[in-house]
Amino acid sequence: MAINGISPTDSVMAIRNAILQKNAALRDVASTGPVDGASGAGGTQGTAPGGFTEALNSALQQVNGLQNQAGEAAASFERGETTDIAAVMLAKQQASVSFEATLQVRNKLLSAYKDIMSMPV
């Protein structure tokens, strides 16, 4: 009951491991402080150039990849190339959950931006 020889459990574990690796990488970036002589003016610490942007871009690419995999799994099922509906539904749910999580992060970032912009100077 596996798509392309990968069981649903292995797929979930692979996603879990990827999340743990990204968390560790983000923790390492956050703990390094200023990079390349960047001054910590005002007592703030700098991050690696593009650190947040790269992390966000990577997360969006991962969500896009999950959605593409789910679409391919559904199309494969529709063509009759696979008969494992459980794996197809799992792929669809993984894509759905990752999209919802990304949407919630976007909403929180937008809310924080609006709060900051409405602060009196």
Protein backbone atom coordinates (compact mmCIF):
# COMPACT_ATOMS: atom_id res chain seq x y z
CA MET A 1 0.00 0.00 0.00
CA ALA A 2 2.63 2.49 -1.02
CA ILE A 3 3.05 5.09 -3.72
CA ASN A 4 6.38 4.66 -5.52
CA GLY A 5 7.54 2.12 -2.91
CA ILE A 6 7.24 4.58 0.01
CA SER A 7 4.83 3.68 2.76
CA PRO A 8 2.66 6.42 4.29
CA THR A 9 4.47 5.97 7.61
CA ASP A 10 7.85 6.51 5.97
CA SER A 11 6.52 9.63 4.27
CA VAL A 12 5.22 11.08 7.54
CA MET A 13 8.50 10.25 9.27
CA ALA A 14 10.45 11.91 6.45
CA ILE A 15 8.37 15.08 6.85
CA ARG A 16 8.92 14.97 10.63
CA ASN A 17 12.69 14.61 10.15
CA ALA A 18 12.72 17.52 7.68
CA ILE A 19 10.87 19.71 10.18
CA LEU A 20 13.31 18.77 12.96
CA GLN A 21 16.28 19.56 10.70
CA LYS A 22 14.82 22.96 9.77
CA ASN A 23 14.16 23.75 13.43
CA ALA A 24 17.76 22.88 14.28
CA ALA A 25 19.02 25.04 11.41
CA LEU A 26 16.85 27.97 12.51
CA ARG A 27 18.08 27.57 16.09
CA ASP A 28 21.70 27.63 14.85
CA VAL A 29 21.06 30.77 12.77
CA ALA A 30 19.35 32.49 15.70
CA SER A 31 22.19 31.69 18.09
CA THR A 32 25.02 32.96 15.85
CA GLY A 33 24.33 36.67 16.32
CA PRO A 34 25.74 39.33 13.93
CA VAL A 35 27.35 38.04 10.75
CA ASP A 36 30.16 39.53 8.62
CA GLY A 37 30.83 42.48 10.88
CA ALA A 38 27.20 43.49 11.10
CA SER A 39 26.87 45.77 14.04
CA GLY A 40 24.34 45.01 16.69
CA ALA A 41 23.28 48.65 16.70
CA GLY A 42 20.72 49.44 19.31
CA GLY A 43 21.33 46.14 21.09
CA THR A 44 19.68 44.09 18.36
CA GLN A 45 21.32 41.04 16.89
CA GLY A 46 21.58 40.57 13.13
CA THR A 47 20.88 37.36 11.33
CA ALA A 48 22.51 35.83 8.31
CA PRO A 49 21.64 37.75 5.14
CA GLY A 50 18.43 36.33 3.72
CA GLY A 51 18.02 33.95 6.67
CA PHE A 52 14.32 34.62 7.19
CA THR A 53 13.65 35.04 3.50
CA GLU A 54 15.40 31.78 2.66
CA ALA A 55 13.55 29.91 5.42
CA LEU A 56 10.19 31.27 4.26
CA ASN A 57 10.98 30.54 0.62
CA SER A 58 12.06 27.01 1.51
CA ALA A 59 8.83 26.41 3.44
CA LEU A 60 6.75 27.68 0.52
CA GLN A 61 8.64 25.46 -1.90
CA GLN A 62 8.05 22.46 0.38
CA VAL A 63 4.31 23.19 0.51
CA ASN A 64 4.28 23.54 -3.27
CA GLY A 65 6.10 20.23 -3.61
CA LEU A 66 3.58 18.48 -1.35
CA GLN A 67 0.70 19.91 -3.38
CA ASN A 68 2.34 18.77 -6.62
CA GLN A 69 2.90 15.26 -5.21
CA ALA A 70 -0.74 15.09 -4.10
CA GLY A 71 -1.90 16.20 -7.53
CA GLU A 72 0.30 13.62 -9.23
CA ALA A 73 -0.93 10.88 -6.86
CA ALA A 74 -4.56 11.80 -7.57
CA ALA A 75 -3.95 11.90 -11.32
CA SER A 76 -2.20 8.53 -11.13
CA PHE A 77 -5.19 7.08 -9.28
CA GLU A 78 -7.60 8.56 -11.80
CA ARG A 79 -5.63 7.01 -14.67
CA GLY A 80 -5.73 3.63 -12.91
CA GLU A 81 -1.96 3.42 -12.45
CA THR A 82 -2.35 2.93 -8.72
CA THR A 83 -5.17 1.47 -6.65
CA ASP A 84 -4.08 2.66 -3.21
CA ILE A 85 -6.71 5.26 -2.33
CA ALA A 86 -5.41 5.51 1.24
CA ALA A 87 -1.99 6.72 0.05
CA VAL A 88 -3.63 9.21 -2.31
CA MET A 89 -5.84 10.57 0.47
CA LEU A 90 -2.87 10.77 2.84
CA ALA A 91 -0.92 12.78 0.26
CA LYS A 92 -3.91 15.10 -0.20
CA GLN A 93 -4.27 15.58 3.56
CA GLN A 94 -0.54 16.28 3.99
CA ALA A 95 -0.75 18.94 1.30
CA SER A 96 -3.90 20.38 2.86
CA VAL A 97 -2.43 20.55 6.37
CA SER A 98 0.81 22.11 5.15
CA PHE A 99 -1.13 24.70 3.14
CA GLU A 100 -3.34 25.55 6.15
CA ALA A 101 -0.26 25.93 8.37
CA THR A 102 1.36 28.21 5.79
CA LEU A 103 -1.83 30.25 5.55
CA GLN A 104 -1.93 30.68 9.34
CA VAL A 105 1.73 31.81 9.38
CA ARG A 106 0.95 34.32 6.64
CA ASN A 107 -2.04 35.61 8.59
CA LYS A 108 0.06 36.03 11.76
CA LEU A 109 2.81 37.84 9.83
CA LEU A 110 0.25 40.14 8.22
CA SER A 111 -1.35 40.85 11.58
CA ALA A 112 2.04 41.62 13.13
CA TYR A 113 2.89 43.92 10.22
CA LYS A 114 -0.41 45.80 10.62
CA ASP A 115 0.17 46.11 14.39
CA ILE A 116 3.66 47.51 13.84
CA MET A 117 2.50 49.93 11.15
CA SER A 118 -0.29 51.26 13.37
CA MET A 119 2.04 51.97 16.31
CA PRO A 120 2.48 55.65 17.08
CA VAL A 121 6.02 56.91 16.58
